[in-house]
Every structure is written in C-alpha cells, then in structure tokens.
Amino acid sequence: MPKVSVIIPTHSRPLSLLRAVESAHSAGSDVEVVVVDDASRDATADVCKSMKDIKYVRLERNQGVAGARNVGILASSADLIAFLDDDDLRLPGSLDAQIAALSANREAGFVCGPVLLADEQGTLTGEVAAPQSPGGDVFWEIVELKFFLLPAAVVIRKDCFYRVGLFNSRIPGIDDWDMWARVAELFPVVVVTDPVSIYRQPTPFSQQGSSALGRHLMAAVRHQPHLLALPRSLSAPAGLRRQVRRNMRRRIADTLSWNAARRLPEGAYRFALENFLAAVRLNPLWAARPEHFRQLYRSLLAQRDLKRSSVLPARADGA
C-alpha cells in the first residue's frame, strides 16, 4: 500500500490532538503523521515532543489553518496527502480503503468520502454527511457548493499541488473549497461510499473556526467569481456561469435560514439573527419565503417552551 502523509494543523488543543494522531495511525498501514504546531502557547509543544511517531513542525508565528497545511505539505515525504483537524478523527482502515480506490483510478486527483457527524463533545449524532455524487467530473458541483466535502475526508495526490498551487491563506474558512475546485477543474474525483472520518460539528458557542458559518458562506459568495474566472469556467457558456451563481446564492440563503432556526432553541439569538439577516441580504425573495418564517416561528416557540419547563416547579404525584 502506498505511503500517505497526514497533515494535522494544531493550535492549543493538546488533548484532542493526541486522539487525532492515534486515529491517523490506525487508519492506514503506512502513515506519516505531520503535526504543524501553529504557534500554540500552552503545553502543545511538550505533548508533541513526547510523541515519537510523528514529524513535528513548530511555527513561531500563527499562520492560520491554510498556512499550517501548506507547511505540512512541504514537510511531508509521501506522494499522497491527507488532512485531519486536531479535533476530528480518522476511522480505522479508512486511509487504506481510499488509497486503494485512488490507485484504481490513476487519472483522479483526489478521493473523498462520507463523514460521521459528532456533537461538540465528540459524541456521534447518528448523522452521516456524504457527497451526493458518484464522482468523476464534479467541478461545477464544487463551484456551486453542491458537493459536500471536508478536508478530513480527502486523500489527494501531491502532484496536484504542483499543478494548482498550495492553499490560499488569504481566504480563511473557504481555502479548502477553493483548493478542491481548482483541482477538480483539471482532474476527476473518486468517491467512496463507506465513512472515512468523524467530524465534530461546531456550535455558535464553540471555539472552532468553522463555527463562523455565516461569515464563511458570505466569503464564499464573494470568492465564487474567482472560480468562475478559471479557464474551464470561461470556456463554458455564460448562461451556465450565471445559473451556477444563482444556484449557489439560493443554496447559501437556505443554509443560513435553516441554521438560524436550528440554533434559536439553544438561545443563540445573535447567531440566529446574523445568519437570517445574511440570508435576506443575499437573496431577499428566496430567504423570506413563508416556510422560512414558519420554521423560525416554531423555533421561537420551542425556545419559549424550554424556558417555561426550566422555571416551573415539578408537580407532586397526584397533584
């Protein structure tokens, strides 16, 4: 089985990092783990130095996730690269399974697959998030944000970076999406059907960078014209580019509205308001559809009922 380098950027989360490293080693038969310590100010350096089965790179100046991934790629020795955040986990044998699928499709640039979703504490929710595509030419699906894809689900050929460049650190939060689009412009993509990793979902109250969903999605809206200016995009009919643009804005407006309603019962009022207003600004008619307001109203009722149940005294039996 070909060797794979797993790049793990980390910043001040030594306990979760230990679990991530262990999961990476259990996922493949020939794995190099490259931990890039992005200027942590706690015990992360000591924890990393105590691990003998990793390649440790320490950054004295914080470079963000994209910058840390780039450093890890340059420090890696394998021809295949995988990514793992320090609070996510790889599933046993998943790297070997993806490498086999990629080896069987020599024209493909990378392979991806489903992920199991977990809550903030790492407990599995029973949900699975997967690409809704059999693979192949998925360029337009990625540009439209129609193709679900997380870094922890990807194994990519290092040669791809020589063709398209490294991650763009000037667009934090969407640098991975930008990368997958640039690679998919040139190469087909392989999709496996079995889950490959566990993704810990952010909340409005978590410290994960991905908890800023609304900000990142709006950044994607602003960045999409750059992807629509890639050579393959420009060679397509203008009508197709306009349709992809409209579809993405509607998709993001839906996501923001749904996320606002989902977080209201948790008391995340500011988060919900920011997401819904962003949806309205993005696509007023689409975001303001009656079903969205009904969803928000039901969420407000759920929050009210939750508050009532927490302040009403328990009734004695037979009362």
Protein backbone atom coordinates (compact mmCIF):
# COMPACT_ATOMS: atom_id res chain seq x y z
CA MET A 1 0.00 0.00 0.00
CA PRO A 2 1.49 3.43 -0.94
CA LYS A 3 2.59 5.70 1.88
CA VAL A 4 0.39 8.65 2.89
CA SER A 5 1.29 11.76 4.87
CA VAL A 6 -1.47 13.01 7.18
CA ILE A 7 -1.19 16.75 7.84
CA ILE A 8 -2.60 17.85 11.23
CA PRO A 9 -2.53 21.60 11.95
CA THR A 10 -2.96 22.29 15.66
CA HIS A 11 -3.27 25.27 17.95
CA SER A 12 -3.50 24.89 21.74
CA ARG A 13 -5.57 21.68 21.82
CA PRO A 14 -3.09 19.03 23.03
CA LEU A 15 -5.64 16.54 24.39
CA SER A 16 -7.72 16.33 21.23
CA LEU A 17 -4.51 16.29 19.19
CA LEU A 18 -3.42 13.05 20.88
CA ARG A 19 -6.65 11.36 19.82
CA ALA A 20 -6.36 12.69 16.26
CA VAL A 21 -2.80 11.38 15.89
CA GLU A 22 -3.77 7.96 17.22
CA SER A 23 -6.70 7.77 14.79
CA ALA A 24 -4.47 8.71 11.85
CA HIS A 25 -2.07 5.87 12.59
CA SER A 26 -4.94 3.38 12.89
CA ALA A 27 -6.36 4.45 9.52
CA GLY A 28 -3.55 3.15 7.31
CA SER A 29 -0.76 0.62 7.04
CA ASP A 30 1.97 3.11 6.04
CA VAL A 31 1.23 6.52 7.55
CA GLU A 32 3.46 9.53 8.18
CA VAL A 33 1.81 11.97 10.59
CA VAL A 34 2.98 15.57 10.21
CA VAL A 35 1.84 17.80 13.08
CA VAL A 36 2.16 21.53 12.41
CA ASP A 37 2.01 23.46 15.68
CA ASP A 38 0.61 26.84 14.67
CA ALA A 39 2.25 28.92 17.42
CA SER A 40 0.47 27.28 20.37
CA ARG A 41 1.02 28.96 23.74
CA ASP A 42 0.22 26.04 26.02
CA ALA A 43 1.58 22.52 26.54
CA THR A 44 1.12 21.52 22.90
CA ALA A 45 4.86 21.66 22.14
CA ASP A 46 5.71 19.39 25.09
CA VAL A 47 2.95 16.94 24.13
CA CYS A 48 4.17 16.80 20.54
CA LYS A 49 7.79 16.29 21.56
CA SER A 50 6.71 13.35 23.71
CA MET A 51 5.22 11.56 20.68
CA LYS A 52 7.83 9.52 18.84
CA ASP A 53 5.67 8.54 15.88
CA ILE A 54 5.12 11.98 14.34
CA LYS A 55 7.04 14.58 12.35
CA TYR A 56 6.72 17.79 14.38
CA VAL A 57 6.96 21.26 12.85
CA ARG A 58 6.72 24.28 15.15
CA LEU A 59 5.64 27.70 13.81
CA GLU A 60 6.57 30.68 15.97
CA ARG A 61 4.09 32.97 14.20
CA ASN A 62 0.46 31.96 13.75
CA GLN A 63 -0.25 31.34 10.05
CA GLY A 64 -3.80 30.01 10.23
CA VAL A 65 -5.05 26.63 9.10
CA ALA A 66 -4.25 27.15 5.40
CA GLY A 67 -0.70 28.31 6.13
CA ALA A 68 -0.14 25.41 8.52
CA ARG A 69 -1.41 22.92 5.95
CA ASN A 70 0.95 24.37 3.36
CA VAL A 71 3.89 23.98 5.74
CA GLY A 72 2.83 20.39 6.39
CA ILE A 73 2.63 19.60 2.68
CA LEU A 74 6.15 20.94 2.13
CA ALA A 75 7.45 18.94 5.12
CA SER A 76 5.79 15.68 4.03
CA SER A 77 7.63 12.82 2.35
CA ALA A 78 4.79 10.78 0.79
CA ASP A 79 3.26 11.13 -2.66
CA LEU A 80 -0.24 11.05 -1.15
CA ILE A 81 -1.55 13.67 1.28
CA ALA A 82 -4.45 13.53 3.74
CA PHE A 83 -5.68 16.23 6.10
CA LEU A 84 -7.06 16.00 9.61
CA ASP A 85 -8.02 18.77 12.02
CA ASP A 86 -6.84 18.27 15.58
CA ASP A 87 -10.40 17.84 16.89
CA ASP A 88 -11.54 15.33 14.25
CA LEU A 89 -10.80 11.61 13.91
CA ARG A 90 -9.95 9.18 11.13
CA LEU A 91 -11.77 5.84 11.11
CA PRO A 92 -9.71 2.61 11.28
CA GLY A 93 -8.59 1.39 7.87
CA SER A 94 -10.11 4.37 6.07
CA LEU A 95 -6.86 5.64 4.55
CA ASP A 96 -6.01 2.23 3.10
CA ALA A 97 -9.51 1.98 1.60
CA GLN A 98 -9.26 5.41 -0.03
CA ILE A 99 -5.73 4.80 -1.28
CA ALA A 100 -6.89 1.59 -2.95
CA ALA A 101 -9.74 3.46 -4.64
CA LEU A 102 -7.41 6.22 -5.82
CA SER A 103 -4.84 3.70 -7.09
CA ALA A 104 -7.58 2.08 -9.18
CA ASN A 105 -8.36 5.46 -10.80
CA ARG A 106 -5.00 6.79 -11.91
CA GLU A 107 -6.42 9.85 -13.66
CA ALA A 108 -8.16 11.10 -10.50
CA GLY A 109 -6.72 13.93 -8.44
CA PHE A 110 -8.21 13.00 -5.10
CA VAL A 111 -10.61 10.65 -3.36
CA CYS A 112 -13.20 11.64 -0.77
CA GLY A 113 -16.00 10.02 1.19
CA PRO A 114 -18.72 10.36 3.84
CA VAL A 115 -18.09 11.52 7.40
CA LEU A 116 -19.86 10.64 10.63
CA LEU A 117 -21.11 13.71 12.49
CA ALA A 118 -20.47 14.23 16.19
CA ASP A 119 -21.56 16.92 18.65
CA GLU A 120 -19.21 19.36 20.38
CA GLN A 121 -18.27 16.71 22.95
CA GLY A 122 -17.38 14.20 20.23
CA THR A 123 -20.46 12.00 20.71
CA LEU A 124 -21.79 10.58 17.44
CA THR A 125 -25.18 12.02 16.50
CA GLY A 126 -26.13 9.18 14.16
CA GLU A 127 -25.96 11.51 11.14
CA VAL A 128 -23.79 10.92 8.08
CA ALA A 129 -22.73 13.69 5.69
CA ALA A 130 -21.74 12.44 2.26
CA PRO A 131 -21.09 13.77 -1.25
CA GLN A 132 -24.32 13.46 -3.23
CA SER A 133 -22.44 12.39 -6.32
CA PRO A 134 -20.85 9.24 -7.72
CA GLY A 135 -17.69 11.22 -8.51
CA GLY A 136 -15.99 11.81 -11.82
CA ASP A 137 -16.23 15.34 -13.19
CA VAL A 138 -17.55 17.31 -10.20
CA PHE A 139 -16.06 20.73 -10.98
CA TRP A 140 -19.37 22.56 -11.38
CA GLU A 141 -20.87 20.85 -8.35
CA ILE A 142 -17.99 22.04 -6.19
CA VAL A 143 -18.11 25.59 -7.55
CA GLU A 144 -21.85 25.67 -6.80
CA LEU A 145 -21.26 24.34 -3.24
CA LYS A 146 -23.43 21.38 -4.15
CA PHE A 147 -20.73 18.79 -3.39
CA PHE A 148 -20.26 18.11 0.33
CA LEU A 149 -16.56 17.80 1.04
CA LEU A 150 -14.48 18.15 4.22
CA PRO A 151 -10.66 18.13 4.41
CA ALA A 152 -10.77 15.17 6.83
CA ALA A 153 -12.42 13.09 4.09
CA VAL A 154 -9.80 13.69 1.38
CA VAL A 155 -6.71 11.85 0.16
CA ILE A 156 -5.02 13.81 -2.63
CA ARG A 157 -2.03 13.24 -4.87
CA LYS A 158 0.82 15.59 -4.02
CA ASP A 159 1.33 16.17 -7.75
CA CYS A 160 -1.92 18.16 -7.73
CA PHE A 161 -0.27 20.90 -5.70
CA TYR A 162 2.45 21.24 -8.32
CA ARG A 163 -0.30 21.89 -10.88
CA VAL A 164 -2.63 24.22 -8.96
CA GLY A 165 -0.51 25.62 -6.12
CA LEU A 166 -0.99 25.50 -2.35
CA PHE A 167 -3.88 26.61 -0.14
CA ASN A 168 -4.76 30.30 -0.34
CA SER A 169 -4.19 31.67 3.18
CA ARG A 170 -5.90 34.97 2.25
CA ILE A 171 -9.35 33.33 2.30
CA PRO A 172 -9.58 31.62 5.71
CA GLY A 173 -12.54 29.34 6.19
CA ILE A 174 -13.02 28.68 2.48
CA ASP A 175 -9.44 27.91 1.41
CA ASP A 176 -10.23 24.19 1.26
CA TRP A 177 -13.27 24.74 -1.01
CA ASP A 178 -11.11 26.89 -3.29
CA MET A 179 -8.48 24.15 -3.44
CA TRP A 180 -10.94 21.35 -4.30
CA ALA A 181 -12.41 23.48 -7.09
CA ARG A 182 -9.00 24.21 -8.60
CA VAL A 183 -8.06 20.54 -8.52
CA ALA A 184 -11.45 19.38 -9.87
CA GLU A 185 -11.02 21.77 -12.80
CA LEU A 186 -8.17 19.56 -14.00
CA PHE A 187 -8.80 16.09 -12.55
CA PRO A 188 -11.74 13.73 -11.94
CA VAL A 189 -12.63 12.87 -8.35
CA VAL A 190 -13.23 9.46 -6.77
CA VAL A 191 -15.96 9.00 -4.14
CA VAL A 192 -16.01 6.04 -1.73
CA THR A 193 -19.25 5.05 -0.02
CA ASP A 194 -18.05 3.97 3.43
CA PRO A 195 -17.49 6.70 6.10
CA VAL A 196 -13.84 7.70 6.50
CA SER A 197 -13.75 10.13 9.42
CA ILE A 198 -15.60 11.69 12.36
CA TYR A 199 -16.30 15.42 12.18
CA ARG A 200 -17.03 17.32 15.38
CA GLN A 201 -19.66 19.89 14.47
CA PRO A 202 -19.18 23.46 15.67
CA THR A 203 -21.77 25.42 17.64
CA PRO A 204 -22.22 29.19 18.00
CA PHE A 205 -20.51 28.85 21.39
CA SER A 206 -17.58 26.65 20.38
CA GLN A 207 -14.02 27.73 19.71
CA GLN A 208 -13.84 26.05 16.30
CA GLY A 209 -13.06 28.31 13.39
CA SER A 210 -15.85 26.64 11.42
CA SER A 211 -18.41 27.93 13.95
CA ALA A 212 -18.43 31.22 11.96
CA LEU A 213 -20.63 29.61 9.31
CA GLY A 214 -22.39 32.75 8.11
CA ARG A 215 -19.16 34.69 7.67
CA HIS A 216 -17.53 31.86 5.76
CA LEU A 217 -20.52 31.34 3.47
CA MET A 218 -20.66 35.04 2.65
CA ALA A 219 -16.93 34.90 1.93
CA ALA A 220 -17.69 32.04 -0.47
CA VAL A 221 -20.22 34.22 -2.28
CA ARG A 222 -17.57 36.91 -2.73
CA HIS A 223 -14.94 34.40 -3.84
CA GLN A 224 -17.02 32.41 -6.31
CA PRO A 225 -16.42 34.90 -9.19
CA HIS A 226 -12.71 33.99 -8.98
CA LEU A 227 -13.62 30.33 -9.56
CA LEU A 228 -15.95 31.36 -12.37
CA ALA A 229 -12.96 33.09 -13.96
CA LEU A 230 -10.87 29.91 -14.13
CA PRO A 231 -10.08 28.81 -17.71
CA ARG A 232 -12.63 26.00 -17.67
CA SER A 233 -15.34 28.32 -16.38
CA LEU A 234 -14.63 30.95 -19.02
CA SER A 235 -14.82 28.31 -21.75
CA ALA A 236 -18.36 27.41 -20.66
CA PRO A 237 -21.49 29.27 -21.84
CA ALA A 238 -22.19 32.48 -19.92
CA GLY A 239 -25.67 31.17 -19.12
CA LEU A 240 -24.19 28.21 -17.25
CA ARG A 241 -21.99 30.50 -15.16
CA ARG A 242 -24.99 32.69 -14.30
CA GLN A 243 -27.05 29.64 -13.32
CA VAL A 244 -24.29 28.31 -11.08
CA ARG A 245 -24.07 31.73 -9.44
CA ARG A 246 -27.84 31.87 -8.80
CA ASN A 247 -27.96 28.30 -7.52
CA MET A 248 -25.16 28.93 -5.05
CA ARG A 249 -26.77 32.08 -3.65
CA ARG A 250 -30.07 30.24 -3.16
CA ARG A 251 -28.29 27.28 -1.57
CA ILE A 252 -26.46 29.53 0.89
CA ALA A 253 -29.61 31.53 1.70
CA ASP A 254 -31.36 28.23 2.50
CA THR A 255 -28.47 27.07 4.67
CA LEU A 256 -28.30 30.33 6.61
CA SER A 257 -32.06 30.42 7.20
CA TRP A 258 -32.13 26.79 8.32
CA ASN A 259 -29.14 27.30 10.61
CA ALA A 260 -30.79 30.33 12.21
CA ALA A 261 -33.90 28.30 13.02
CA ARG A 262 -31.84 25.37 14.24
CA ARG A 263 -29.86 27.43 16.76
CA LEU A 264 -32.73 29.52 18.17
CA PRO A 265 -33.88 26.85 20.67
CA GLU A 266 -30.33 26.82 22.06
CA GLY A 267 -30.58 30.51 22.92
CA ALA A 268 -28.10 31.61 20.25
CA TYR A 269 -30.17 34.70 19.38
CA ARG A 270 -27.35 36.82 17.97
CA PHE A 271 -26.04 33.93 15.87
CA ALA A 272 -29.53 33.20 14.53
CA LEU A 273 -30.22 36.86 13.74
CA GLU A 274 -26.90 37.33 11.95
CA ASN A 275 -27.48 34.21 9.84
CA PHE A 276 -31.04 35.12 8.87
CA LEU A 277 -30.16 38.73 8.01
CA ALA A 278 -27.26 37.48 5.89
CA ALA A 279 -29.69 35.20 4.04
CA VAL A 280 -32.06 38.12 3.42
CA ARG A 281 -29.25 40.34 2.13
CA LEU A 282 -28.04 37.58 -0.13
CA ASN A 283 -31.39 36.68 -1.67
CA PRO A 284 -34.35 38.63 -0.20
CA LEU A 285 -37.17 36.84 -2.02
CA TRP A 286 -35.69 33.38 -1.54
CA ALA A 287 -34.80 33.81 2.15
CA ALA A 288 -38.13 35.45 3.01
CA ARG A 289 -40.28 32.57 1.77
CA PRO A 290 -43.17 31.66 4.13
CA GLU A 291 -41.66 28.29 5.05
CA HIS A 292 -38.57 30.02 6.44
CA PHE A 293 -40.67 32.26 8.70
CA ARG A 294 -42.72 29.27 9.83
CA GLN A 295 -39.51 27.46 10.70
CA LEU A 296 -38.24 30.45 12.71
CA TYR A 297 -41.60 30.76 14.49
CA ARG A 298 -41.55 27.08 15.50
CA SER A 299 -38.01 27.52 16.81
CA LEU A 300 -39.05 30.53 18.91
CA LEU A 301 -41.94 28.52 20.36
CA ALA A 302 -39.55 25.70 21.19
CA GLN A 303 -37.24 28.14 23.00
CA ARG A 304 -40.20 29.60 24.94
CA ASP A 305 -41.41 26.15 25.99
CA LEU A 306 -37.89 25.20 27.04
CA LYS A 307 -37.64 28.27 29.26
CA ARG A 308 -41.03 27.58 30.82
CA SER A 309 -40.13 23.98 31.63
CA SER A 310 -36.93 25.14 33.32
CA VAL A 311 -38.66 27.58 35.71
CA LEU A 312 -41.94 25.79 36.53
CA PRO A 313 -41.77 23.71 39.73
CA ALA A 314 -42.21 19.97 39.36
CA ARG A 315 -45.71 18.82 40.28
CA ALA A 316 -46.10 16.22 43.00
CA ASP A 317 -47.64 12.87 42.05
CA GLY A 318 -51.40 13.11 42.05
CA ALA A 319 -51.45 16.91 42.07
